[in-house]
Amino acid sequence: MAALFVFDQRRRKQRTFKDRISSLDHLSDVEVVDRYRLSRIAIIYLEDNLRNDLSPPTNRSQSVSSMTKVLVGLRVLSKGNFLSEVADLHGISKQTASRVLHEFVDAVNRNIDNIRFPRTQQELAEAKLGFYKRCKIANIVVYVTHVIFCLEMQNILIFLKPLLVHYLPQEHMDSEKPGMLLADSGYPLTTSLLTPLANPVTHVEVRYNNAQSKGRMVIEQSFGILKGRFRCLHKTDGVLSYSPEKSCAIFMACAKLHNMCLDWGLTLDDAQVVDPGQYAMEAWKGQPGLQVQELRRRVVNTFV
């Protein structure tokens, strides 16, 4: 029995550990931003804010440090790389990289608070006024865009309203005139989503569509920058092949990190910005009800 035990011990494969990247000393300042989208000092600031959530719960010598987790998370979001490649670059396994990504995303969403929708009636009024000055369409609160999911479109819409309810005050959502959301033709026309006309004929309808497009333009350009900065959101670098809940969490984390880039004065090269007209969603094929068509018609008639 003793001899058998020794034999089994000899056959056991010895564990090997890769060299892990836990610092940025080997990269220039330009290379740091190119690979991780944040500057060196901004990454240190981010790690400091997320350390309590990301620090390993054990003192084992081979546990993944909070800095390595930050670097892995930023790399996946910014480059849209396969997890196996990111894992190899940072000296961890693919399974660990997958776990670390979601830990990082959750930590960003819990600790970084730099997205604020209008919540008071005064802020909502100011938001509506801002949209009206730009496109001359009254009662618009926000513009709705999309992220590429590996799901049918109707499944995305299920998760759209809960996100808006989370950020817009309940009394606003329950009021008789809560304001409408501007959307492109990839979304259905509803009492809350104002979409363009599919086939404008009269000059009034053309003017409405032009105004509706003008209202979306600035936001679409912003999302072009967002998708260029975090390629995991862009179709050419794959899709978010996760559940709707995880995909929404990833998108929210990217938006918060994007705002961090703006706060730190980090710009994106024009060549990296995604054309907002690329890979537009297919037009919604459903038939809107008569009530919502009449609601949009009243808006269209304001352009006489």
Protein backbone atom coordinates (compact mmCIF):
# COMPACT_ATOMS: atom_id res chain seq x y z
CA MET A 1 0.00 0.00 0.00
CA ALA A 2 2.86 2.40 0.84
CA ALA A 3 4.52 1.67 -2.50
CA LEU A 4 1.24 2.37 -4.34
CA PHE A 5 0.87 5.69 -2.53
CA VAL A 6 4.39 6.76 -3.56
CA PHE A 7 3.68 5.75 -7.17
CA ASP A 8 0.47 7.84 -7.28
CA GLN A 9 2.30 10.80 -5.84
CA ARG A 10 4.91 10.62 -8.57
CA ARG A 11 2.25 10.56 -11.29
CA ARG A 12 0.46 13.66 -9.96
CA LYS A 13 1.08 16.64 -12.21
CA GLN A 14 2.88 19.47 -10.50
CA ARG A 15 1.00 22.77 -10.50
CA THR A 16 2.58 25.62 -12.41
CA PHE A 17 1.82 29.30 -11.98
CA LYS A 18 2.21 31.91 -14.69
CA ASP A 19 3.87 35.24 -14.09
CA ARG A 20 1.10 37.69 -13.34
CA ILE A 21 0.90 41.30 -14.37
CA SER A 22 0.10 43.42 -11.33
CA SER A 23 1.86 46.63 -12.30
CA LEU A 24 2.22 48.87 -15.34
CA ASP A 25 5.93 49.63 -15.01
CA HIS A 26 6.78 47.81 -18.24
CA LEU A 27 4.43 50.05 -20.31
CA SER A 28 4.77 53.67 -21.41
CA ASP A 29 1.99 56.14 -20.59
CA VAL A 30 0.69 55.95 -24.17
CA GLU A 31 0.69 52.15 -24.11
CA VAL A 32 -1.23 52.10 -20.82
CA VAL A 33 -4.06 54.20 -22.25
CA ASP A 34 -4.09 52.23 -25.50
CA ARG A 35 -4.40 48.89 -23.69
CA TYR A 36 -6.56 49.82 -20.71
CA ARG A 37 -8.25 53.10 -21.77
CA LEU A 38 -7.44 54.79 -18.44
CA SER A 39 -4.21 56.57 -17.61
CA ARG A 40 -1.73 55.12 -15.13
CA ILE A 41 -2.85 57.41 -12.30
CA ALA A 42 -6.55 56.85 -13.13
CA ILE A 43 -6.06 53.07 -12.92
CA ILE A 44 -4.40 53.46 -9.51
CA TYR A 45 -7.32 55.66 -8.41
CA LEU A 46 -9.82 53.06 -9.68
CA GLU A 47 -8.04 50.19 -7.94
CA ASP A 48 -8.02 52.16 -4.71
CA ASN A 49 -11.80 52.65 -4.95
CA LEU A 50 -12.48 48.98 -5.77
CA ARG A 51 -9.91 47.38 -3.45
CA ASN A 52 -12.34 46.45 -0.68
CA ASP A 53 -14.49 44.53 -3.17
CA LEU A 54 -11.66 43.00 -5.21
CA SER A 55 -9.04 42.13 -2.61
CA PRO A 56 -8.65 38.34 -2.34
CA PRO A 57 -10.33 36.87 0.78
CA THR A 58 -7.28 34.71 1.42
CA ASN A 59 -3.59 35.28 2.08
CA ARG A 60 -2.56 32.43 -0.20
CA SER A 61 0.54 33.29 -2.21
CA GLN A 62 -1.13 32.65 -5.58
CA SER A 63 -4.37 34.60 -5.04
CA VAL A 64 -5.23 37.19 -7.70
CA SER A 65 -4.50 40.73 -6.50
CA SER A 66 -7.01 43.55 -6.79
CA MET A 67 -4.74 45.37 -9.29
CA THR A 68 -4.57 42.31 -11.55
CA LYS A 69 -8.36 42.09 -11.42
CA VAL A 70 -8.66 45.74 -12.43
CA LEU A 71 -6.26 45.26 -15.33
CA VAL A 72 -8.03 42.12 -16.54
CA GLY A 73 -11.44 43.79 -16.36
CA LEU A 74 -10.30 46.91 -18.19
CA ARG A 75 -8.55 44.87 -20.88
CA VAL A 76 -11.60 42.74 -21.64
CA LEU A 77 -13.94 45.73 -21.80
CA SER A 78 -11.60 47.97 -23.77
CA LYS A 79 -10.34 45.48 -26.33
CA GLY A 80 -13.20 43.00 -26.57
CA ASN A 81 -10.56 40.25 -26.63
CA PHE A 82 -11.25 36.60 -26.06
CA LEU A 83 -10.94 35.71 -22.40
CA SER A 84 -8.24 33.16 -23.18
CA GLU A 85 -6.01 35.88 -24.66
CA VAL A 86 -6.55 38.23 -21.73
CA ALA A 87 -5.89 35.37 -19.32
CA ASP A 88 -2.60 34.53 -21.02
CA LEU A 89 -1.50 38.17 -21.01
CA HIS A 90 -2.10 38.53 -17.28
CA GLY A 91 -0.91 35.11 -16.11
CA ILE A 92 -4.23 33.57 -15.04
CA SER A 93 -6.49 30.82 -16.36
CA LYS A 94 -9.43 31.46 -18.67
CA GLN A 95 -11.86 30.36 -15.94
CA THR A 96 -10.29 32.81 -13.50
CA ALA A 97 -10.46 35.60 -16.09
CA SER A 98 -14.19 34.97 -16.55
CA ARG A 99 -14.80 35.15 -12.81
CA VAL A 100 -12.60 38.22 -12.43
CA LEU A 101 -14.45 40.07 -15.22
CA HIS A 102 -17.79 39.81 -13.44
CA GLU A 103 -16.25 40.66 -10.07
CA PHE A 104 -14.73 43.77 -11.64
CA VAL A 105 -17.97 44.80 -13.38
CA ASP A 106 -19.98 44.40 -10.18
CA ALA A 107 -17.37 46.33 -8.18
CA VAL A 108 -17.41 49.23 -10.67
CA ASN A 109 -21.20 49.40 -10.60
CA ARG A 110 -21.28 49.34 -6.79
CA ASN A 111 -18.53 51.87 -6.13
CA ILE A 112 -18.43 54.31 -9.06
CA ASP A 113 -21.34 56.74 -9.03
CA ASN A 114 -20.91 59.16 -11.93
CA ILE A 115 -24.10 58.61 -13.95
CA ARG A 116 -27.06 60.69 -12.97
CA PHE A 117 -30.38 60.84 -14.75
CA PRO A 118 -32.68 63.81 -14.09
CA ARG A 119 -34.57 62.99 -10.90
CA THR A 120 -36.31 66.13 -9.64
CA GLN A 121 -39.08 67.84 -11.54
CA GLN A 122 -36.78 70.80 -12.16
CA GLU A 123 -34.06 68.56 -13.61
CA LEU A 124 -36.62 66.80 -15.80
CA ALA A 125 -37.90 70.14 -17.04
CA GLU A 126 -34.34 71.23 -17.86
CA ALA A 127 -33.71 67.97 -19.75
CA LYS A 128 -36.90 68.42 -21.77
CA LEU A 129 -35.98 72.02 -22.53
CA GLY A 130 -32.53 70.96 -23.71
CA PHE A 131 -33.99 68.44 -26.15
CA TYR A 132 -36.59 70.95 -27.33
CA LYS A 133 -33.95 73.57 -28.09
CA ARG A 134 -32.10 71.05 -30.21
CA CYS A 135 -34.89 69.32 -32.14
CA LYS A 136 -38.10 71.29 -31.41
CA ILE A 137 -39.87 68.21 -30.09
CA ALA A 138 -41.47 68.81 -26.71
CA ASN A 139 -41.59 66.49 -23.70
CA ILE A 140 -38.50 64.40 -24.59
CA VAL A 141 -36.55 63.17 -21.56
CA VAL A 142 -33.83 60.89 -22.92
CA TYR A 143 -32.72 59.03 -26.01
CA VAL A 144 -32.73 55.24 -26.06
CA THR A 145 -29.98 53.37 -27.87
CA HIS A 146 -28.98 49.72 -28.08
CA VAL A 147 -26.13 47.38 -27.31
CA ILE A 148 -25.42 44.25 -29.32
CA PHE A 149 -26.74 41.25 -27.38
CA CYS A 150 -26.87 37.61 -28.39
CA LEU A 151 -30.63 37.73 -27.82
CA GLU A 152 -33.80 38.49 -29.67
CA MET A 153 -34.78 42.16 -29.64
CA GLN A 154 -37.93 41.61 -27.60
CA ASN A 155 -35.83 40.16 -24.80
CA ILE A 156 -33.78 43.36 -24.67
CA LEU A 157 -36.90 45.48 -24.28
CA ILE A 158 -37.92 43.46 -21.23
CA PHE A 159 -34.82 44.82 -19.47
CA LEU A 160 -35.13 48.36 -20.82
CA LYS A 161 -37.98 49.55 -18.61
CA PRO A 162 -36.55 48.27 -15.28
CA LEU A 163 -33.31 50.16 -15.98
CA LEU A 164 -35.22 53.37 -16.69
CA VAL A 165 -37.40 52.90 -13.61
CA HIS A 166 -34.19 52.54 -11.56
CA TYR A 167 -32.80 55.86 -12.75
CA LEU A 168 -35.95 57.94 -13.23
CA PRO A 169 -37.99 58.86 -10.15
CA GLN A 170 -41.11 56.76 -9.59
CA GLU A 171 -43.41 59.76 -9.38
CA HIS A 172 -42.18 60.79 -12.82
CA MET A 173 -42.83 57.36 -14.34
CA ASP A 174 -46.30 57.23 -12.79
CA SER A 175 -47.36 60.76 -13.76
CA GLU A 176 -49.81 61.38 -16.59
CA LYS A 177 -47.19 63.19 -18.67
CA PRO A 178 -43.88 61.62 -17.72
CA GLY A 179 -42.15 62.61 -20.94
CA MET A 180 -41.23 60.46 -23.89
CA LEU A 181 -38.05 58.66 -24.86
CA LEU A 182 -36.55 59.32 -28.28
CA ALA A 183 -35.72 56.11 -30.19
CA ASP A 184 -34.66 55.09 -33.68
CA SER A 185 -36.57 52.80 -36.05
CA GLY A 186 -35.15 49.70 -34.41
CA TYR A 187 -37.60 50.16 -31.55
CA PRO A 188 -41.41 49.93 -31.60
CA LEU A 189 -43.56 53.04 -31.39
CA THR A 190 -45.20 53.11 -27.96
CA THR A 191 -46.68 55.66 -25.59
CA SER A 192 -43.16 56.05 -24.13
CA LEU A 193 -40.95 55.63 -27.24
CA LEU A 194 -41.16 58.18 -30.04
CA THR A 195 -39.76 56.77 -33.30
CA PRO A 196 -39.34 58.22 -36.82
CA LEU A 197 -41.82 57.66 -39.62
CA ALA A 198 -40.88 54.75 -41.86
CA ASN A 199 -41.92 56.43 -45.12
CA PRO A 200 -42.35 60.20 -44.79
CA VAL A 201 -44.33 61.71 -47.67
CA THR A 202 -45.33 65.28 -46.91
CA HIS A 203 -42.92 68.11 -46.11
CA VAL A 204 -44.32 68.10 -42.55
CA GLU A 205 -43.42 64.44 -42.10
CA VAL A 206 -39.95 65.04 -43.55
CA ARG A 207 -39.41 67.95 -41.16
CA TYR A 208 -40.47 65.75 -38.23
CA ASN A 209 -38.07 62.96 -39.23
CA ASN A 210 -35.21 65.46 -39.65
CA ALA A 211 -35.92 66.93 -36.21
CA GLN A 212 -36.18 63.48 -34.67
CA SER A 213 -32.84 62.53 -36.22
CA LYS A 214 -31.27 65.78 -35.00
CA GLY A 215 -32.37 65.00 -31.47
CA ARG A 216 -30.68 61.60 -31.64
CA MET A 217 -27.49 62.81 -33.34
CA VAL A 218 -25.50 64.04 -30.34
CA ILE A 219 -26.33 60.98 -28.27
CA GLU A 220 -25.51 58.61 -31.12
CA GLN A 221 -22.14 60.30 -31.54
CA SER A 222 -21.52 59.86 -27.82
CA PHE A 223 -22.29 56.17 -28.12
CA GLY A 224 -19.96 55.99 -31.11
CA ILE A 225 -17.19 57.20 -28.80
CA LEU A 226 -18.31 54.78 -26.06
CA LYS A 227 -18.23 51.79 -28.43
CA GLY A 228 -14.87 52.88 -29.80
CA ARG A 229 -13.42 53.12 -26.32
CA PHE A 230 -14.89 49.83 -25.07
CA ARG A 231 -14.85 47.48 -28.01
CA CYS A 232 -16.77 44.77 -26.18
CA LEU A 233 -19.86 46.85 -27.02
CA HIS A 234 -19.13 46.95 -30.73
CA LYS A 235 -20.29 44.32 -33.18
CA THR A 236 -16.96 43.96 -34.97
CA ASP A 237 -15.32 42.74 -31.77
CA GLY A 238 -17.98 40.23 -30.89
CA VAL A 239 -21.18 40.53 -28.95
CA LEU A 240 -22.09 40.39 -25.28
CA SER A 241 -22.75 36.66 -25.12
CA TYR A 242 -24.10 36.84 -21.59
CA SER A 243 -27.51 36.90 -19.98
CA PRO A 244 -29.48 40.16 -20.25
CA GLU A 245 -28.72 40.97 -16.61
CA LYS A 246 -24.97 40.54 -17.05
CA SER A 247 -24.98 42.37 -20.39
CA CYS A 248 -26.75 45.35 -18.81
CA ALA A 249 -24.23 45.31 -15.95
CA ILE A 250 -21.32 45.30 -18.42
CA PHE A 251 -22.83 48.17 -20.39
CA MET A 252 -23.38 50.18 -17.21
CA ALA A 253 -19.78 49.58 -16.10
CA CYS A 254 -18.49 50.71 -19.51
CA ALA A 255 -20.58 53.88 -19.28
CA LYS A 256 -19.20 54.67 -15.82
CA LEU A 257 -15.63 54.02 -16.94
CA HIS A 258 -16.25 56.19 -20.01
CA ASN A 259 -17.31 59.04 -17.72
CA MET A 260 -14.13 58.44 -15.73
CA CYS A 261 -12.14 58.90 -18.95
CA LEU A 262 -13.92 62.21 -19.53
CA ASP A 263 -13.28 63.33 -15.95
CA TRP A 264 -9.57 62.56 -16.36
CA GLY A 265 -9.40 64.37 -19.70
CA LEU A 266 -8.64 61.24 -21.73
CA THR A 267 -9.58 61.62 -25.39
CA LEU A 268 -10.08 59.06 -28.13
CA ASP A 269 -8.47 59.25 -31.56
CA ASP A 270 -10.93 59.99 -34.35
CA ALA A 271 -9.92 56.74 -36.04
CA GLN A 272 -11.12 54.81 -32.98
CA VAL A 273 -14.57 56.41 -32.86
CA VAL A 274 -17.30 54.15 -34.24
CA ASP A 275 -19.52 55.60 -36.96
CA PRO A 276 -22.96 55.76 -35.29
CA GLY A 277 -24.54 54.84 -38.62
CA GLN A 278 -22.70 51.52 -38.79
CA TYR A 279 -24.45 48.31 -37.91
CA ALA A 280 -27.78 49.99 -37.25
CA MET A 281 -30.50 47.77 -35.92
CA GLU A 282 -32.99 46.31 -38.32
CA ALA A 283 -36.21 48.30 -38.46
CA TRP A 284 -38.96 47.13 -36.14
CA LYS A 285 -41.45 45.08 -38.17
CA GLY A 286 -44.38 45.19 -35.79
CA GLN A 287 -47.53 47.23 -36.40
CA PRO A 288 -48.12 50.00 -33.83
CA GLY A 289 -51.61 50.49 -32.46
CA LEU A 290 -53.91 53.29 -33.57
CA GLN A 291 -53.59 55.10 -30.23
CA VAL A 292 -49.80 55.44 -30.39
CA GLN A 293 -49.94 56.35 -34.09
CA GLU A 294 -52.32 59.18 -33.23
CA LEU A 295 -49.97 60.27 -30.44
CA ARG A 296 -47.06 60.51 -32.90
CA ARG A 297 -49.27 62.22 -35.48
CA ARG A 298 -49.96 65.02 -32.98
CA VAL A 299 -46.20 65.52 -32.61
CA VAL A 300 -45.71 65.45 -36.39
CA ASN A 301 -48.40 68.12 -36.86
CA THR A 302 -46.42 70.56 -34.70
CA PHE A 303 -44.01 70.88 -37.67
CA VAL A 304 -46.64 72.44 -39.97
